[in-house]
C-alpha atoms as a PDB file:
ATOM      1  CA  MET A   1     -33.070  -0.236  13.057  1.00  0.00           C
ATOM      2  CA  ALA A   2     -29.711  -1.528  14.324  1.00  0.00           C
ATOM      3  CA  GLU A   3     -26.770   0.902  14.451  1.00  0.00           C
ATOM      4  CA  ALA A   4     -24.682  -1.414  12.234  1.00  0.00           C
ATOM      5  CA  GLU A   5     -27.339  -1.344   9.522  1.00  0.00           C
ATOM      6  CA  LEU A   6     -27.614   2.440   9.655  1.00  0.00           C
ATOM      7  CA  SER A   7     -23.861   2.918   9.404  1.00  0.00           C
ATOM      8  CA  GLY A   8     -23.319   0.312   6.705  1.00  0.00           C
ATOM      9  CA  ALA A   9     -20.815  -1.544   8.875  1.00  0.00           C
ATOM     10  CA  SER A  10     -20.196  -5.155   7.941  1.00  0.00           C
ATOM     11  CA  ARG A  11     -22.176  -7.695   9.929  1.00  0.00           C
ATOM     12  CA  LEU A  12     -21.814 -11.216  11.234  1.00  0.00           C
ATOM     13  CA  LEU A  13     -24.805 -13.240   9.990  1.00  0.00           C
ATOM     14  CA  ALA A  14     -25.914 -16.835  10.465  1.00  0.00           C
ATOM     15  CA  VAL A  15     -28.226 -19.445   8.973  1.00  0.00           C
ATOM     16  CA  SER A  16     -28.631 -23.206   9.081  1.00  0.00           C
ATOM     17  CA  ASP A  17     -30.678 -26.117   7.783  1.00  0.00           C
ATOM     18  CA  LEU A  18     -31.027 -24.822   4.235  1.00  0.00           C
ATOM     19  CA  HIS A  19     -31.928 -28.293   2.923  1.00  0.00           C
ATOM     20  CA  VAL A  20     -31.418 -27.332  -0.707  1.00  0.00           C
ATOM     21  CA  GLY A  21     -32.722 -30.706  -1.901  1.00  0.00           C
ATOM     22  CA  TYR A  22     -36.158 -29.072  -1.722  1.00  0.00           C
ATOM     23  CA  PRO A  23     -36.763 -26.852  -4.790  1.00  0.00           C
ATOM     24  CA  GLU A  24     -38.467 -24.186  -2.647  1.00  0.00           C
ATOM     25  CA  ASN A  25     -35.394 -24.001  -0.399  1.00  0.00           C
ATOM     26  CA  GLU A  26     -33.014 -23.982  -3.341  1.00  0.00           C
ATOM     27  CA  ALA A  27     -34.851 -20.934  -4.693  1.00  0.00           C
ATOM     28  CA  ILE A  28     -34.465 -19.153  -1.340  1.00  0.00           C
ATOM     29  CA  VAL A  29     -30.733 -19.887  -1.199  1.00  0.00           C
ATOM     30  CA  ALA A  30     -30.309 -18.608  -4.751  1.00  0.00           C
ATOM     31  CA  GLU A  31     -31.517 -15.213  -3.524  1.00  0.00           C
ATOM     32  CA  LEU A  32     -29.407 -14.977  -0.348  1.00  0.00           C
ATOM     33  CA  LYS A  33     -27.116 -11.950  -0.373  1.00  0.00           C
ATOM     34  CA  PRO A  34     -25.134  -9.925   2.167  1.00  0.00           C
ATOM     35  CA  VAL A  35     -26.965  -7.154   3.957  1.00  0.00           C
ATOM     36  CA  THR A  36     -23.914  -4.893   3.750  1.00  0.00           C
ATOM     37  CA  PRO A  37     -20.553  -5.241   1.969  1.00  0.00           C
ATOM     38  CA  GLY A  38     -18.063  -7.267   3.971  1.00  0.00           C
ATOM     39  CA  ASP A  39     -20.652  -9.410   5.753  1.00  0.00           C
ATOM     40  CA  TRP A  40     -19.578 -12.826   7.004  1.00  0.00           C
ATOM     41  CA  LEU A  41     -21.954 -15.798   7.047  1.00  0.00           C
ATOM     42  CA  LEU A  42     -21.954 -18.648   9.550  1.00  0.00           C
ATOM     43  CA  VAL A  43     -23.628 -21.794   8.189  1.00  0.00           C
ATOM     44  CA  ALA A  44     -24.567 -24.153  11.024  1.00  0.00           C
ATOM     45  CA  GLY A  45     -25.037 -27.342   9.032  1.00  0.00           C
ATOM     46  CA  ASP A  46     -27.597 -29.277   7.007  1.00  0.00           C
ATOM     47  CA  VAL A  47     -27.018 -27.464   3.736  1.00  0.00           C
ATOM     48  CA  GLY A  48     -28.237 -30.656   2.074  1.00  0.00           C
ATOM     49  CA  GLU A  49     -27.694 -34.368   1.651  1.00  0.00           C
ATOM     50  CA  ARG A  50     -26.178 -34.747  -1.808  1.00  0.00           C
ATOM     51  CA  LEU A  51     -22.667 -33.520  -2.538  1.00  0.00           C
ATOM     52  CA  GLU A  52     -23.741 -31.782  -5.729  1.00  0.00           C
ATOM     53  CA  GLY A  53     -26.330 -29.652  -3.935  1.00  0.00           C
ATOM     54  CA  ILE A  54     -24.067 -28.942  -0.968  1.00  0.00           C
ATOM     55  CA  THR A  55     -21.248 -27.797  -3.276  1.00  0.00           C
ATOM     56  CA  TRP A  56     -23.599 -25.623  -5.328  1.00  0.00           C
ATOM     57  CA  ALA A  57     -24.976 -23.836  -2.272  1.00  0.00           C
ATOM     58  CA  LEU A  58     -21.636 -23.309  -0.529  1.00  0.00           C
ATOM     59  CA  SER A  59     -20.001 -22.126  -3.754  1.00  0.00           C
ATOM     60  CA  LEU A  60     -22.772 -19.584  -4.284  1.00  0.00           C
ATOM     61  CA  LEU A  61     -22.553 -18.285  -0.720  1.00  0.00           C
ATOM     62  CA  ALA A  62     -18.747 -18.130  -0.831  1.00  0.00           C
ATOM     63  CA  SER A  63     -18.955 -15.988  -3.982  1.00  0.00           C
ATOM     64  CA  ARG A  64     -21.263 -13.465  -2.291  1.00  0.00           C
ATOM     65  CA  PHE A  65     -20.074 -13.125   1.304  1.00  0.00           C
ATOM     66  CA  GLU A  66     -16.717 -11.811   2.451  1.00  0.00           C
ATOM     67  CA  ARG A  67     -16.171 -15.024   4.394  1.00  0.00           C
ATOM     68  CA  VAL A  68     -18.243 -18.160   4.989  1.00  0.00           C
ATOM     69  CA  VAL A  69     -17.776 -20.428   8.011  1.00  0.00           C
ATOM     70  CA  TRP A  70     -19.348 -23.887   7.759  1.00  0.00           C
ATOM     71  CA  VAL A  71     -19.948 -26.704  10.207  1.00  0.00           C
ATOM     72  CA  PRO A  72     -21.486 -30.044   9.231  1.00  0.00           C
ATOM     73  CA  GLY A  73     -24.963 -31.100  10.184  1.00  0.00           C
ATOM     74  CA  ASN A  74     -26.054 -34.686  10.281  1.00  0.00           C
ATOM     75  CA  HIS A  75     -27.531 -34.526   6.766  1.00  0.00           C
ATOM     76  CA  GLU A  76     -24.212 -33.648   5.105  1.00  0.00           C
ATOM     77  CA  LEU A  77     -22.730 -36.747   6.726  1.00  0.00           C
ATOM     78  CA  TRP A  78     -25.337 -39.129   5.348  1.00  0.00           C
ATOM     79  CA  THR A  79     -24.070 -41.741   2.919  1.00  0.00           C
ATOM     80  CA  VAL A  80     -26.612 -41.417   0.115  1.00  0.00           C
ATOM     81  CA  PRO A  81     -26.949 -44.783  -1.649  1.00  0.00           C
ATOM     82  CA  GLY A  82     -25.683 -44.678  -5.217  1.00  0.00           C
ATOM     83  CA  GLU A  83     -24.106 -41.230  -4.929  1.00  0.00           C
ATOM     84  CA  PRO A  84     -20.521 -41.243  -6.195  1.00  0.00           C
ATOM     85  CA  PRO A  85     -18.255 -41.230  -4.337  1.00  0.00           C
ATOM     86  CA  GLU A  86     -20.115 -43.340  -1.775  1.00  0.00           C
ATOM     87  CA  LEU A  87     -18.143 -42.183   1.260  1.00  0.00           C
ATOM     88  CA  ARG A  88     -18.808 -43.137   4.868  1.00  0.00           C
ATOM     89  CA  GLY A  89     -18.081 -41.501   8.202  1.00  0.00           C
ATOM     90  CA  VAL A  90     -14.766 -39.684   8.549  1.00  0.00           C
ATOM     91  CA  ALA A  91     -14.022 -40.079   4.836  1.00  0.00           C
ATOM     92  CA  ARG A  92     -17.272 -38.271   4.001  1.00  0.00           C
ATOM     93  CA  TYR A  93     -16.492 -35.471   6.445  1.00  0.00           C
ATOM     94  CA  GLU A  94     -12.945 -35.052   5.156  1.00  0.00           C
ATOM     95  CA  HIS A  95     -14.252 -34.854   1.588  1.00  0.00           C
ATOM     96  CA  LEU A  96     -16.561 -32.012   2.645  1.00  0.00           C
ATOM     97  CA  VAL A  97     -13.687 -30.224   4.387  1.00  0.00           C
ATOM     98  CA  ARG A  98     -11.576 -30.425   1.220  1.00  0.00           C
ATOM     99  CA  THR A  99     -14.465 -29.048  -0.824  1.00  0.00           C
ATOM    100  CA  CYS A 100     -14.875 -26.127   1.567  1.00  0.00           C
ATOM    101  CA  ARG A 101     -11.186 -25.325   1.549  1.00  0.00           C
ATOM    102  CA  GLU A 102     -11.194 -25.250  -2.246  1.00  0.00           C
ATOM    103  CA  LEU A 103     -13.975 -22.666  -2.000  1.00  0.00           C
ATOM    104  CA  GLY A 104     -12.158 -20.617   0.643  1.00  0.00           C
ATOM    105  CA  ILE A 105     -14.670 -21.585   3.355  1.00  0.00           C
ATOM    106  CA  VAL A 106     -13.585 -21.985   6.989  1.00  0.00           C
ATOM    107  CA  THR A 107     -14.290 -25.382   8.570  1.00  0.00           C
ATOM    108  CA  PRO A 108     -13.924 -26.864  12.082  1.00  0.00           C
ATOM    109  CA  GLU A 109     -10.482 -28.095  11.011  1.00  0.00           C
ATOM    110  CA  ASP A 110      -9.136 -24.604  10.374  1.00  0.00           C
ATOM    111  CA  GLU A 111      -7.801 -21.796  12.530  1.00  0.00           C
ATOM    112  CA  TYR A 112     -10.580 -19.999  14.390  1.00  0.00           C
ATOM    113  CA  PRO A 113     -11.043 -16.678  12.570  1.00  0.00           C
ATOM    114  CA  LEU A 114     -11.293 -13.299  14.280  1.00  0.00           C
ATOM    115  CA  TRP A 115     -14.306 -11.120  13.460  1.00  0.00           C
ATOM    116  CA  GLU A 116     -13.555  -7.404  13.873  1.00  0.00           C
ATOM    117  CA  GLY A 117     -16.678  -5.889  12.335  1.00  0.00           C
ATOM    118  CA  ALA A 118     -19.847  -4.705  14.108  1.00  0.00           C
ATOM    119  CA  GLY A 119     -20.044  -6.174  17.609  1.00  0.00           C
ATOM    120  CA  GLY A 120     -16.459  -7.422  17.510  1.00  0.00           C
ATOM    121  CA  PRO A 121     -13.855  -8.407  18.126  1.00  0.00           C
ATOM    122  CA  VAL A 122     -15.010 -11.993  18.659  1.00  0.00           C
ATOM    123  CA  ARG A 123     -13.414 -15.278  17.721  1.00  0.00           C
ATOM    124  CA  ILE A 124     -15.547 -17.629  15.629  1.00  0.00           C
ATOM    125  CA  VAL A 125     -15.320 -21.242  16.805  1.00  0.00           C
ATOM    126  CA  PRO A 126     -16.838 -23.677  14.285  1.00  0.00           C
ATOM    127  CA  LEU A 127     -17.533 -27.017  15.961  1.00  0.00           C
ATOM    128  CA  PHE A 128     -18.001 -30.561  14.762  1.00  0.00           C
ATOM    129  CA  LEU A 129     -19.026 -32.624  17.782  1.00  0.00           C
ATOM    130  CA  LEU A 130     -21.937 -34.918  16.795  1.00  0.00           C
ATOM    131  CA  TYR A 131     -24.042 -36.421  19.613  1.00  0.00           C
ATOM    132  CA  ASP A 132     -23.793 -39.338  22.015  1.00  0.00           C
ATOM    133  CA  TYR A 133     -27.363 -40.195  23.106  1.00  0.00           C
ATOM    134  CA  THR A 134     -26.931 -38.461  26.475  1.00  0.00           C
ATOM    135  CA  PHE A 135     -29.922 -36.146  25.894  1.00  0.00           C
ATOM    136  CA  LEU A 136     -32.200 -38.922  27.125  1.00  0.00           C
ATOM    137  CA  PRO A 137     -36.001 -38.535  27.096  1.00  0.00           C
ATOM    138  CA  PRO A 138     -37.797 -38.382  30.456  1.00  0.00           C
ATOM    139  CA  GLY A 139     -38.096 -41.743  32.172  1.00  0.00           C
ATOM    140  CA  HIS A 140     -35.103 -43.291  30.399  1.00  0.00           C
ATOM    141  CA  HIS A 141     -31.597 -43.714  31.788  1.00  0.00           C
ATOM    142  CA  THR A 142     -29.748 -45.613  29.037  1.00  0.00           C
ATOM    143  CA  LYS A 143     -29.268 -45.289  25.310  1.00  0.00           C
ATOM    144  CA  GLU A 144     -30.742 -48.762  24.810  1.00  0.00           C
ATOM    145  CA  SER A 145     -33.943 -47.893  26.639  1.00  0.00           C
ATOM    146  CA  ALA A 146     -34.314 -44.566  24.834  1.00  0.00           C
ATOM    147  CA  LEU A 147     -33.756 -46.120  21.407  1.00  0.00           C
ATOM    148  CA  THR A 148     -36.224 -48.909  22.123  1.00  0.00           C
ATOM    149  CA  TYR A 149     -38.793 -46.308  23.108  1.00  0.00           C
ATOM    150  CA  ALA A 150     -38.099 -44.228  19.990  1.00  0.00           C
ATOM    151  CA  HIS A 151     -38.530 -47.246  17.716  1.00  0.00           C
ATOM    152  CA  SER A 152     -41.777 -48.184  19.464  1.00  0.00           C
ATOM    153  CA  THR A 153     -43.171 -44.717  18.679  1.00  0.00           C
ATOM    154  CA  GLY A 154     -41.823 -44.542  15.121  1.00  0.00           C
ATOM    155  CA  VAL A 155     -39.812 -41.389  15.900  1.00  0.00           C
ATOM    156  CA  VAL A 156     -36.311 -42.447  14.845  1.00  0.00           C
ATOM    157  CA  CYS A 157     -33.666 -40.211  13.302  1.00  0.00           C
ATOM    158  CA  THR A 158     -32.639 -41.270   9.792  1.00  0.00           C
ATOM    159  CA  ASP A 159     -29.034 -41.117  11.040  1.00  0.00           C
ATOM    160  CA  GLU A 160     -29.559 -44.592  12.465  1.00  0.00           C
ATOM    161  CA  TYR A 161     -29.548 -45.923   8.915  1.00  0.00           C
ATOM    162  CA  VAL A 162     -27.325 -43.618   6.824  1.00  0.00           C
ATOM    163  CA  LEU A 163     -24.912 -41.730   9.126  1.00  0.00           C
ATOM    164  CA  HIS A 164     -22.033 -44.152   9.532  1.00  0.00           C
ATOM    165  CA  PRO A 165     -19.206 -43.552  12.060  1.00  0.00           C
ATOM    166  CA  ASP A 166     -16.437 -45.415  10.162  1.00  0.00           C
ATOM    167  CA  PRO A 167     -13.724 -46.027  11.240  1.00  0.00           C
ATOM    168  CA  TYR A 168     -15.129 -45.435  14.738  1.00  0.00           C
ATOM    169  CA  PRO A 169     -17.243 -48.292  16.115  1.00  0.00           C
ATOM    170  CA  THR A 170     -20.160 -46.025  17.067  1.00  0.00           C
ATOM    171  CA  ARG A 171     -21.395 -42.478  16.594  1.00  0.00           C
ATOM    172  CA  GLU A 172     -20.866 -41.807  20.299  1.00  0.00           C
ATOM    173  CA  ALA A 173     -17.232 -42.903  20.011  1.00  0.00           C
ATOM    174  CA  TRP A 174     -16.790 -40.469  17.126  1.00  0.00           C
ATOM    175  CA  CYS A 175     -18.470 -37.797  19.250  1.00  0.00           C
ATOM    176  CA  ALA A 176     -16.125 -38.466  22.188  1.00  0.00           C
ATOM    177  CA  ALA A 177     -13.092 -38.118  19.929  1.00  0.00           C
ATOM    178  CA  ARG A 178     -14.366 -34.826  18.495  1.00  0.00           C
ATOM    179  CA  VAL A 179     -15.158 -33.423  21.947  1.00  0.00           C
ATOM    180  CA  ALA A 180     -11.681 -34.331  23.212  1.00  0.00           C
ATOM    181  CA  LEU A 181      -9.960 -32.794  20.175  1.00  0.00           C
ATOM    182  CA  THR A 182     -11.983 -29.591  20.407  1.00  0.00           C
ATOM    183  CA  SER A 183     -11.470 -29.283  24.166  1.00  0.00           C
ATOM    184  CA  ARG A 184      -7.714 -29.342  23.602  1.00  0.00           C
ATOM    185  CA  ARG A 185      -7.937 -26.659  20.926  1.00  0.00           C
ATOM    186  CA  LEU A 186     -10.053 -24.410  23.137  1.00  0.00           C
ATOM    187  CA  ALA A 187      -7.621 -24.819  26.030  1.00  0.00           C
ATOM    188  CA  GLU A 188      -4.811 -23.645  23.754  1.00  0.00           C
ATOM    189  CA  LEU A 189      -6.420 -20.298  22.916  1.00  0.00           C
ATOM    190  CA  ASP A 190      -4.008 -17.684  24.190  1.00  0.00           C
ATOM    191  CA  ASP A 191      -6.205 -14.579  24.386  1.00  0.00           C
ATOM    192  CA  ASP A 192      -9.389 -13.477  26.126  1.00  0.00           C
ATOM    193  CA  VAL A 193     -11.373 -12.544  23.027  1.00  0.00           C
ATOM    194  CA  PRO A 194     -15.048 -13.555  23.427  1.00  0.00           C
ATOM    195  CA  LEU A 195     -16.081 -16.638  21.467  1.00  0.00           C
ATOM    196  CA  VAL A 196     -18.973 -17.259  19.121  1.00  0.00           C
ATOM    197  CA  PHE A 197     -19.609 -20.998  19.100  1.00  0.00           C
ATOM    198  CA  VAL A 198     -21.136 -22.392  15.906  1.00  0.00           C
ATOM    199  CA  ASN A 199     -22.400 -25.957  16.053  1.00  0.00           C
ATOM    200  CA  HIS A 200     -25.187 -27.882  14.390  1.00  0.00           C
ATOM    201  CA  TYR A 201     -26.480 -28.895  17.821  1.00  0.00           C
ATOM    202  CA  PRO A 202     -27.010 -26.743  20.931  1.00  0.00           C
ATOM    203  CA  LEU A 203     -24.273 -26.993  23.535  1.00  0.00           C
ATOM    204  CA  VAL A 204     -26.869 -27.500  26.282  1.00  0.00           C
ATOM    205  CA  ARG A 205     -29.894 -29.755  26.463  1.00  0.00           C
ATOM    206  CA  GLU A 206     -32.524 -27.132  27.408  1.00  0.00           C
ATOM    207  CA  PRO A 207     -33.393 -26.011  23.847  1.00  0.00           C
ATOM    208  CA  THR A 208     -34.650 -29.531  23.104  1.00  0.00           C
ATOM    209  CA  ASP A 209     -37.312 -29.242  25.816  1.00  0.00           C
ATOM    210  CA  VAL A 210     -39.689 -27.683  23.260  1.00  0.00           C
ATOM    211  CA  LEU A 211     -39.520 -30.622  20.845  1.00  0.00           C
ATOM    212  CA  ARG A 212     -42.902 -32.110  19.976  1.00  0.00           C
ATOM    213  CA  TYR A 213     -41.346 -35.548  20.328  1.00  0.00           C
ATOM    214  CA  PRO A 214     -38.964 -35.556  23.319  1.00  0.00           C
ATOM    215  CA  GLN A 215     -37.463 -38.885  22.247  1.00  0.00           C
ATOM    216  CA  PHE A 216     -35.764 -37.053  19.356  1.00  0.00           C
ATOM    217  CA  ALA A 217     -33.529 -35.145  21.793  1.00  0.00           C
ATOM    218  CA  GLN A 218     -31.062 -38.047  21.957  1.00  0.00           C
ATOM    219  CA  TRP A 219     -29.916 -37.116  18.425  1.00  0.00           C
ATOM    220  CA  CYS A 220     -29.440 -33.450  19.362  1.00  0.00           C
ATOM    221  CA  GLY A 221     -26.151 -33.085  21.234  1.00  0.00           C
ATOM    222  CA  THR A 222     -24.045 -34.208  24.154  1.00  0.00           C
ATOM    223  CA  THR A 223     -23.957 -33.367  27.855  1.00  0.00           C
ATOM    224  CA  ALA A 224     -20.150 -33.217  27.534  1.00  0.00           C
ATOM    225  CA  THR A 225     -20.515 -29.592  26.332  1.00  0.00           C
ATOM    226  CA  ARG A 226     -23.028 -28.427  28.956  1.00  0.00           C
ATOM    227  CA  ASP A 227     -20.593 -26.006  30.616  1.00  0.00           C
ATOM    228  CA  TRP A 228     -18.602 -24.794  27.613  1.00  0.00           C
ATOM    229  CA  HIS A 229     -20.498 -21.500  27.397  1.00  0.00           C
ATOM    230  CA  ARG A 230     -19.612 -20.868  31.066  1.00  0.00           C
ATOM    231  CA  ARG A 231     -16.066 -22.205  30.996  1.00  0.00           C
ATOM    232  CA  HIS A 232     -15.117 -19.922  28.104  1.00  0.00           C
ATOM    233  CA  ARG A 233     -15.899 -16.259  27.635  1.00  0.00           C
ATOM    234  CA  THR A 234     -18.814 -16.612  25.233  1.00  0.00           C
ATOM    235  CA  ALA A 235     -20.519 -13.884  23.200  1.00  0.00           C
ATOM    236  CA  ALA A 236     -23.097 -16.156  21.525  1.00  0.00           C
ATOM    237  CA  MET A 237     -23.904 -19.744  20.660  1.00  0.00           C
ATOM    238  CA  ILE A 238     -25.327 -20.379  17.173  1.00  0.00           C
ATOM    239  CA  TYR A 239     -26.971 -23.686  16.272  1.00  0.00           C
ATOM    240  CA  GLY A 240     -29.620 -25.339  14.099  1.00  0.00           C
ATOM    241  CA  HIS A 241     -31.001 -28.877  13.730  1.00  0.00           C
ATOM    242  CA  LEU A 242     -34.206 -28.353  15.729  1.00  0.00           C
ATOM    243  CA  HIS A 243     -35.961 -26.325  12.993  1.00  0.00           C
ATOM    244  CA  ILE A 244     -37.356 -24.068  15.723  1.00  0.00           C
ATOM    245  CA  PRO A 245     -35.783 -20.631  15.142  1.00  0.00           C
ATOM    246  CA  ARG A 246     -35.690 -18.634  18.372  1.00  0.00           C
ATOM    247  CA  VAL A 247     -33.428 -16.940  20.929  1.00  0.00           C
ATOM    248  CA  THR A 248     -32.950 -18.263  24.465  1.00  0.00           C
ATOM    249  CA  TRP A 249     -30.519 -17.340  27.229  1.00  0.00           C
ATOM    250  CA  TYR A 250     -28.551 -19.642  29.519  1.00  0.00           C
ATOM    251  CA  ASP A 251     -26.257 -18.280  32.247  1.00  0.00           C
ATOM    252  CA  GLY A 252     -26.392 -14.896  30.562  1.00  0.00           C
ATOM    253  CA  VAL A 253     -25.271 -16.269  27.168  1.00  0.00           C
ATOM    254  CA  ARG A 254     -27.396 -15.796  24.056  1.00  0.00           C
ATOM    255  CA  PHE A 255     -28.244 -19.018  22.199  1.00  0.00           C
ATOM    256  CA  GLU A 256     -29.896 -18.701  18.790  1.00  0.00           C
ATOM    257  CA  GLU A 257     -31.366 -21.393  16.564  1.00  0.00           C
ATOM    258  CA  VAL A 258     -31.035 -20.045  13.012  1.00  0.00           C
ATOM    259  CA  SER A 259     -32.593 -22.685  10.778  1.00  0.00           C
ATOM    260  CA  LEU A 260     -34.688 -22.355   7.655  1.00  0.00           C
ATOM    261  CA  GLY A 261     -36.001 -25.935   7.849  1.00  0.00           C
ATOM    262  CA  TYR A 262     -38.307 -27.870   5.557  1.00  0.00           C
ATOM    263  CA  PRO A 263     -40.916 -26.068   3.410  1.00  0.00           C
ATOM    264  CA  ARG A 264     -43.761 -27.572   5.433  1.00  0.00           C
ATOM    265  CA  GLU A 265     -42.219 -25.915   8.503  1.00  0.00           C
ATOM    266  CA  TRP A 266     -41.268 -22.458   7.264  1.00  0.00           C
ATOM    267  CA  LYS A 267     -44.255 -21.794   5.008  1.00  0.00           C
ATOM    268  CA  PRO A 268     -46.704 -21.327   7.917  1.00  0.00           C
ATOM    269  CA  ARG A 269     -44.370 -18.889   9.690  1.00  0.00           C
ATOM    270  CA  PRO A 270     -44.961 -15.135   9.550  1.00  0.00           C
ATOM    271  CA  GLY A 271     -43.419 -13.701   6.418  1.00  0.00           C
ATOM    272  CA  ASN A 272     -41.558 -10.864   8.126  1.00  0.00           C
ATOM    273  CA  ARG A 273     -38.812 -12.990   9.686  1.00  0.00           C
ATOM    274  CA  ARG A 274     -35.413 -12.248   8.173  1.00  0.00           C
ATOM    275  CA  LEU A 275     -33.693 -15.541   7.341  1.00  0.00           C
ATOM    276  CA  LEU A 276     -30.117 -14.361   7.914  1.00  0.00           C
ATOM    277  CA  ARG A 277     -29.814 -13.653  11.615  1.00  0.00           C
ATOM    278  CA  ASP A 278     -27.544 -11.076  13.258  1.00  0.00           C
ATOM    279  CA  VAL A 279     -25.146 -12.959  15.497  1.00  0.00           C
ATOM    280  CA  LEU A 280     -24.170  -9.821  17.411  1.00  0.00           C
ATOM    281  CA  PRO A 281     -27.252  -7.572  17.289  1.00  0.00           C
ATOM    282  CA  GLN A 282     -26.458  -3.952  18.112  1.00  0.00           C
ATOM    283  CA  SER A 283     -29.967  -2.786  19.036  1.00  0.00           C
END
């Protein structure tokens, strides 16, 4: 058992891809609680698609954890037809940020908070970066070729139809703007406290190598962040999206995918896996 758990020290926990639109997942979220008093929770995107469900889940988590840090996944950014208000692109994201702030939840637009509990101090860096089709499948060298191949196989991310970049002309243009903004903020950090990056997508391409359908990787990140974990003093990188929970290491940095995923995915898994993952395990 970890030292932090034995001592009752507060812990930094993480989860992603709760997808509360599924009743089975909603029931799991309803039971999520801190392990110890004072625990923080990092939520790495894809809480749900509909604003009502997203707000319900985040409100519940904010009421139970000392602090919640949220980053958007692609599903939160979907414009769901007929859902009022029918917001697109940046307007949708800004609406979610306002909702989080009303709940006291930290977003990528806020000051990066300092965690000083077990494993700290570390600075939590919530990211909103999107993707830019640079995680190309083998044998393809352009976005156009990769998308054509994906459509020919029927493996196409729903983002192509419901994640709008307005007012940016493309999702990759929105991604470029977010990467530039975040790079400036990181360069302005004035201390050497280790960082915990939280993003819906991995900062490097390698985690996507295990995907059953490699053509899906193009919706999973950007090569613009491939050296961020080396350029900055990094304690851990937390992500979701792939629905393949596991720990991998790159250049000595711990990357952890912390998703719940869809019921058809998590039901076959062994039942002894704790959903809320320790970001800074003390074992």
